[in-house]
Amino acid sequence: MLDEATIVLALDEVRSLVQADGGDMELVGLDADTVRLRLVLEGASCEECVMPRDFLEQIALDVLKRNVPGVAAVSIDDPREHPGYVPSEH
């Protein structure tokens, strides 16, 4: 069973990567050994500057595995991949 409090603390390192461009990352849930996250781009100064989902998932997985035993996968919901997504004007 994954410890949500430990994951939230470890997630700060990953969040700082997207916060630099005005985005954020939030914990959506835990499924067995998978951490589910959502990329938040509202208010981001440069949505296209935020790393692609596959890179973010690998970085998040590396960081979380280092800090939270038992994490085997990370899944990120990236709004840029939703049908009908339109980047905000900046």
N, C-alpha and C. Protein backbone atom coordinates (compact mmCIF):
# COMPACT_ATOMS: atom_id res chain seq x y z
N MET A 1 0.85 -1.19 0.00
CA MET A 1 0.00 0.00 0.00
C MET A 1 0.89 1.24 0.00
N LEU A 2 0.63 2.14 -0.92
CA LEU A 2 1.42 3.37 -1.02
C LEU A 2 0.97 4.38 0.02
N ASP A 3 1.92 5.11 0.57
CA ASP A 3 1.64 6.12 1.59
C ASP A 3 1.45 7.47 0.92
N GLU A 4 0.21 7.98 0.95
CA GLU A 4 -0.12 9.22 0.26
C GLU A 4 0.69 10.41 0.77
N ALA A 5 0.90 10.50 2.07
CA ALA A 5 1.65 11.63 2.64
C ALA A 5 3.08 11.65 2.12
N THR A 6 3.72 10.49 2.03
CA THR A 6 5.08 10.41 1.52
C THR A 6 5.12 10.76 0.04
N ILE A 7 4.11 10.34 -0.70
CA ILE A 7 4.05 10.65 -2.13
C ILE A 7 3.90 12.16 -2.34
N VAL A 8 3.03 12.79 -1.56
CA VAL A 8 2.82 14.24 -1.68
C VAL A 8 4.13 14.99 -1.43
N LEU A 9 4.90 14.57 -0.43
CA LEU A 9 6.18 15.22 -0.15
C LEU A 9 7.17 15.02 -1.30
N ALA A 10 7.26 13.80 -1.80
CA ALA A 10 8.18 13.50 -2.90
C ALA A 10 7.75 14.21 -4.18
N LEU A 11 6.47 14.42 -4.33
CA LEU A 11 5.93 15.06 -5.53
C LEU A 11 6.37 16.52 -5.66
N ASP A 12 6.74 17.16 -4.55
CA ASP A 12 7.19 18.56 -4.59
C ASP A 12 8.34 18.75 -5.57
N GLU A 13 9.24 17.78 -5.64
CA GLU A 13 10.38 17.88 -6.56
C GLU A 13 9.91 17.89 -8.01
N VAL A 14 8.93 17.07 -8.32
CA VAL A 14 8.38 17.01 -9.68
C VAL A 14 7.58 18.28 -9.98
N ARG A 15 6.79 18.71 -9.01
CA ARG A 15 5.97 19.91 -9.19
C ARG A 15 6.84 21.12 -9.51
N SER A 16 8.01 21.21 -8.91
CA SER A 16 8.88 22.37 -9.14
C SER A 16 9.30 22.47 -10.61
N LEU A 17 9.36 21.34 -11.30
CA LEU A 17 9.74 21.34 -12.72
C LEU A 17 8.69 22.04 -13.59
N VAL A 18 7.42 21.84 -13.28
CA VAL A 18 6.37 22.47 -14.08
C VAL A 18 5.96 23.84 -13.52
N GLN A 19 6.20 24.06 -12.24
CA GLN A 19 5.89 25.35 -11.64
C GLN A 19 6.77 26.45 -12.22
N ALA A 20 7.95 26.11 -12.70
CA ALA A 20 8.85 27.09 -13.31
C ALA A 20 8.19 27.75 -14.51
N ASP A 21 7.28 27.02 -15.18
CA ASP A 21 6.56 27.57 -16.35
C ASP A 21 5.13 27.97 -16.00
N GLY A 22 4.81 28.00 -14.70
CA GLY A 22 3.49 28.43 -14.27
C GLY A 22 2.46 27.32 -14.18
N GLY A 23 2.87 26.09 -14.43
CA GLY A 23 1.95 24.96 -14.32
C GLY A 23 2.04 24.34 -12.93
N ASP A 24 1.38 23.24 -12.76
CA ASP A 24 1.44 22.52 -11.49
C ASP A 24 1.06 21.07 -11.72
N MET A 25 1.21 20.27 -10.70
CA MET A 25 0.91 18.85 -10.76
C MET A 25 0.13 18.53 -9.49
N GLU A 26 -0.96 17.78 -9.63
CA GLU A 26 -1.71 17.41 -8.44
C GLU A 26 -1.95 15.91 -8.41
N LEU A 27 -2.00 15.39 -7.21
CA LEU A 27 -2.25 13.97 -7.01
C LEU A 27 -3.74 13.71 -7.20
N VAL A 28 -4.06 12.77 -8.08
CA VAL A 28 -5.45 12.42 -8.36
C VAL A 28 -5.84 11.19 -7.55
N GLY A 29 -4.93 10.23 -7.48
CA GLY A 29 -5.25 9.02 -6.74
C GLY A 29 -4.13 8.00 -6.80
N LEU A 30 -4.34 6.93 -6.05
CA LEU A 30 -3.38 5.83 -5.98
C LEU A 30 -4.13 4.54 -6.32
N ASP A 31 -3.60 3.79 -7.27
CA ASP A 31 -4.18 2.51 -7.65
C ASP A 31 -3.11 1.44 -7.48
N ALA A 32 -3.20 0.68 -6.41
CA ALA A 32 -2.21 -0.36 -6.10
C ALA A 32 -0.81 0.23 -6.08
N ASP A 33 -0.02 0.02 -7.15
CA ASP A 33 1.35 0.53 -7.17
C ASP A 33 1.52 1.67 -8.18
N THR A 34 0.40 2.25 -8.64
CA THR A 34 0.42 3.33 -9.62
C THR A 34 -0.04 4.64 -9.00
N VAL A 35 0.74 5.69 -9.26
CA VAL A 35 0.39 7.03 -8.80
C VAL A 35 -0.24 7.76 -9.98
N ARG A 36 -1.46 8.28 -9.78
CA ARG A 36 -2.15 9.02 -10.83
C ARG A 36 -2.08 10.51 -10.53
N LEU A 37 -1.59 11.26 -11.51
CA LEU A 37 -1.41 12.71 -11.36
C LEU A 37 -2.15 13.45 -12.46
N ARG A 38 -2.39 14.73 -12.23
CA ARG A 38 -2.99 15.59 -13.25
C ARG A 38 -2.08 16.80 -13.44
N LEU A 39 -1.78 17.10 -14.69
CA LEU A 39 -1.01 18.29 -15.03
C LEU A 39 -1.99 19.45 -15.09
N VAL A 40 -1.68 20.51 -14.35
CA VAL A 40 -2.54 21.70 -14.29
C VAL A 40 -1.83 22.81 -15.06
N LEU A 41 -2.50 23.32 -16.10
CA LEU A 41 -1.87 24.34 -16.94
C LEU A 41 -2.57 25.69 -16.86
N GLU A 42 -3.70 25.78 -16.13
CA GLU A 42 -4.37 27.06 -15.99
C GLU A 42 -3.40 28.05 -15.35
N GLY A 43 -3.20 29.17 -16.00
CA GLY A 43 -2.29 30.18 -15.47
C GLY A 43 -0.84 29.99 -15.88
N ALA A 44 -0.56 28.92 -16.64
CA ALA A 44 0.82 28.68 -17.08
C ALA A 44 1.23 29.76 -18.07
N SER A 45 2.41 30.31 -17.87
CA SER A 45 2.90 31.36 -18.76
C SER A 45 3.30 30.79 -20.12
N CYS A 46 3.63 29.51 -20.16
CA CYS A 46 4.11 28.90 -21.39
C CYS A 46 3.73 27.42 -21.39
N GLU A 47 2.49 27.12 -21.82
CA GLU A 47 2.02 25.73 -21.80
C GLU A 47 2.90 24.82 -22.64
N GLU A 48 3.35 25.32 -23.79
CA GLU A 48 4.17 24.48 -24.66
C GLU A 48 5.58 24.28 -24.10
N CYS A 49 5.96 25.10 -23.11
CA CYS A 49 7.28 24.95 -22.48
C CYS A 49 7.30 23.80 -21.47
N VAL A 50 6.14 23.43 -20.95
CA VAL A 50 6.06 22.33 -19.99
C VAL A 50 6.38 21.04 -20.72
N MET A 51 7.22 20.22 -20.11
CA MET A 51 7.67 18.97 -20.73
C MET A 51 6.49 18.09 -21.15
N PRO A 52 6.67 17.32 -22.20
CA PRO A 52 5.62 16.39 -22.63
C PRO A 52 5.32 15.35 -21.55
N ARG A 53 4.10 14.80 -21.60
CA ARG A 53 3.64 13.85 -20.59
C ARG A 53 4.60 12.68 -20.41
N ASP A 54 5.09 12.08 -21.49
CA ASP A 54 5.94 10.90 -21.33
C ASP A 54 7.23 11.22 -20.58
N PHE A 55 7.81 12.39 -20.82
CA PHE A 55 9.01 12.79 -20.06
C PHE A 55 8.66 13.03 -18.59
N LEU A 56 7.55 13.73 -18.35
CA LEU A 56 7.13 14.00 -16.98
C LEU A 56 6.84 12.71 -16.22
N GLU A 57 6.21 11.75 -16.90
CA GLU A 57 5.92 10.47 -16.24
C GLU A 57 7.21 9.76 -15.84
N GLN A 58 8.20 9.76 -16.71
CA GLN A 58 9.46 9.08 -16.39
C GLN A 58 10.18 9.78 -15.25
N ILE A 59 10.23 11.11 -15.28
CA ILE A 59 10.87 11.87 -14.20
C ILE A 59 10.14 11.64 -12.89
N ALA A 60 8.81 11.73 -12.92
CA ALA A 60 8.02 11.51 -11.71
C ALA A 60 8.23 10.11 -11.17
N LEU A 61 8.28 9.12 -12.06
CA LEU A 61 8.50 7.74 -11.63
C LEU A 61 9.87 7.60 -10.96
N ASP A 62 10.91 8.17 -11.56
CA ASP A 62 12.26 8.10 -10.98
C ASP A 62 12.30 8.74 -9.59
N VAL A 63 11.71 9.92 -9.48
CA VAL A 63 11.71 10.64 -8.19
C VAL A 63 10.92 9.87 -7.15
N LEU A 64 9.72 9.42 -7.52
CA LEU A 64 8.88 8.72 -6.55
C LEU A 64 9.47 7.37 -6.14
N LYS A 65 10.05 6.63 -7.09
CA LYS A 65 10.67 5.34 -6.75
C LYS A 65 11.83 5.53 -5.77
N ARG A 66 12.54 6.63 -5.93
CA ARG A 66 13.67 6.92 -5.05
C ARG A 66 13.19 7.22 -3.63
N ASN A 67 12.00 7.79 -3.49
CA ASN A 67 11.50 8.24 -2.20
C ASN A 67 10.39 7.39 -1.59
N VAL A 68 9.68 6.64 -2.42
CA VAL A 68 8.52 5.88 -1.94
C VAL A 68 8.62 4.43 -2.44
N PRO A 69 9.04 3.52 -1.58
CA PRO A 69 9.10 2.11 -1.99
C PRO A 69 7.72 1.62 -2.44
N GLY A 70 7.70 0.85 -3.49
CA GLY A 70 6.44 0.28 -3.94
C GLY A 70 5.82 0.96 -5.15
N VAL A 71 6.30 2.14 -5.50
CA VAL A 71 5.76 2.81 -6.69
C VAL A 71 6.32 2.10 -7.91
N ALA A 72 5.42 1.63 -8.78
CA ALA A 72 5.86 0.92 -9.99
C ALA A 72 5.54 1.70 -11.26
N ALA A 73 4.56 2.62 -11.17
CA ALA A 73 4.16 3.35 -12.37
C ALA A 73 3.57 4.71 -12.00
N VAL A 74 3.65 5.62 -12.95
CA VAL A 74 3.05 6.94 -12.81
C VAL A 74 2.24 7.21 -14.06
N SER A 75 1.03 7.69 -13.86
CA SER A 75 0.16 8.05 -14.98
C SER A 75 -0.23 9.52 -14.82
N ILE A 76 0.03 10.32 -15.86
CA ILE A 76 -0.28 11.75 -15.79
C ILE A 76 -1.36 12.08 -16.82
N ASP A 77 -2.41 12.75 -16.34
CA ASP A 77 -3.45 13.26 -17.22
C ASP A 77 -2.98 14.64 -17.70
N ASP A 78 -2.66 14.73 -18.99
CA ASP A 78 -2.15 15.97 -19.59
C ASP A 78 -3.26 16.59 -20.42
N PRO A 79 -3.76 17.76 -20.02
CA PRO A 79 -4.87 18.37 -20.77
C PRO A 79 -4.52 18.68 -22.22
N ARG A 80 -3.24 18.79 -22.54
CA ARG A 80 -2.83 19.07 -23.91
C ARG A 80 -3.14 17.91 -24.84
N GLU A 81 -3.41 16.72 -24.26
CA GLU A 81 -3.72 15.54 -25.05
C GLU A 81 -5.22 15.27 -25.15
N HIS A 82 -6.04 16.10 -24.51
CA HIS A 82 -7.49 15.92 -24.56
C HIS A 82 -8.03 16.36 -25.92
N PRO A 83 -9.04 15.67 -26.43
CA PRO A 83 -9.66 16.10 -27.69
C PRO A 83 -10.23 17.50 -27.52
N GLY A 84 -10.03 18.33 -28.50
CA GLY A 84 -10.57 19.68 -28.44
C GLY A 84 -9.73 20.66 -27.65
N TYR A 85 -8.57 20.24 -27.19
CA TYR A 85 -7.70 21.15 -26.42
C TYR A 85 -7.26 22.32 -27.29
N VAL A 86 -7.37 23.51 -26.74
CA VAL A 86 -6.92 24.71 -27.41
C VAL A 86 -5.98 25.44 -26.46
N PRO A 87 -4.73 25.67 -26.87
CA PRO A 87 -3.80 26.38 -25.98
C PRO A 87 -4.31 27.78 -25.68
N SER A 88 -4.05 28.24 -24.46
CA SER A 88 -4.48 29.59 -24.11
C SER A 88 -3.57 30.61 -24.79
N GLU A 89 -4.12 31.78 -25.01
CA GLU A 89 -3.34 32.87 -25.59
C GLU A 89 -2.41 33.41 -24.51
N HIS A 90 -1.20 33.79 -24.90
CA HIS A 90 -0.28 34.38 -23.91
C HIS A 90 0.44 35.53 -24.48
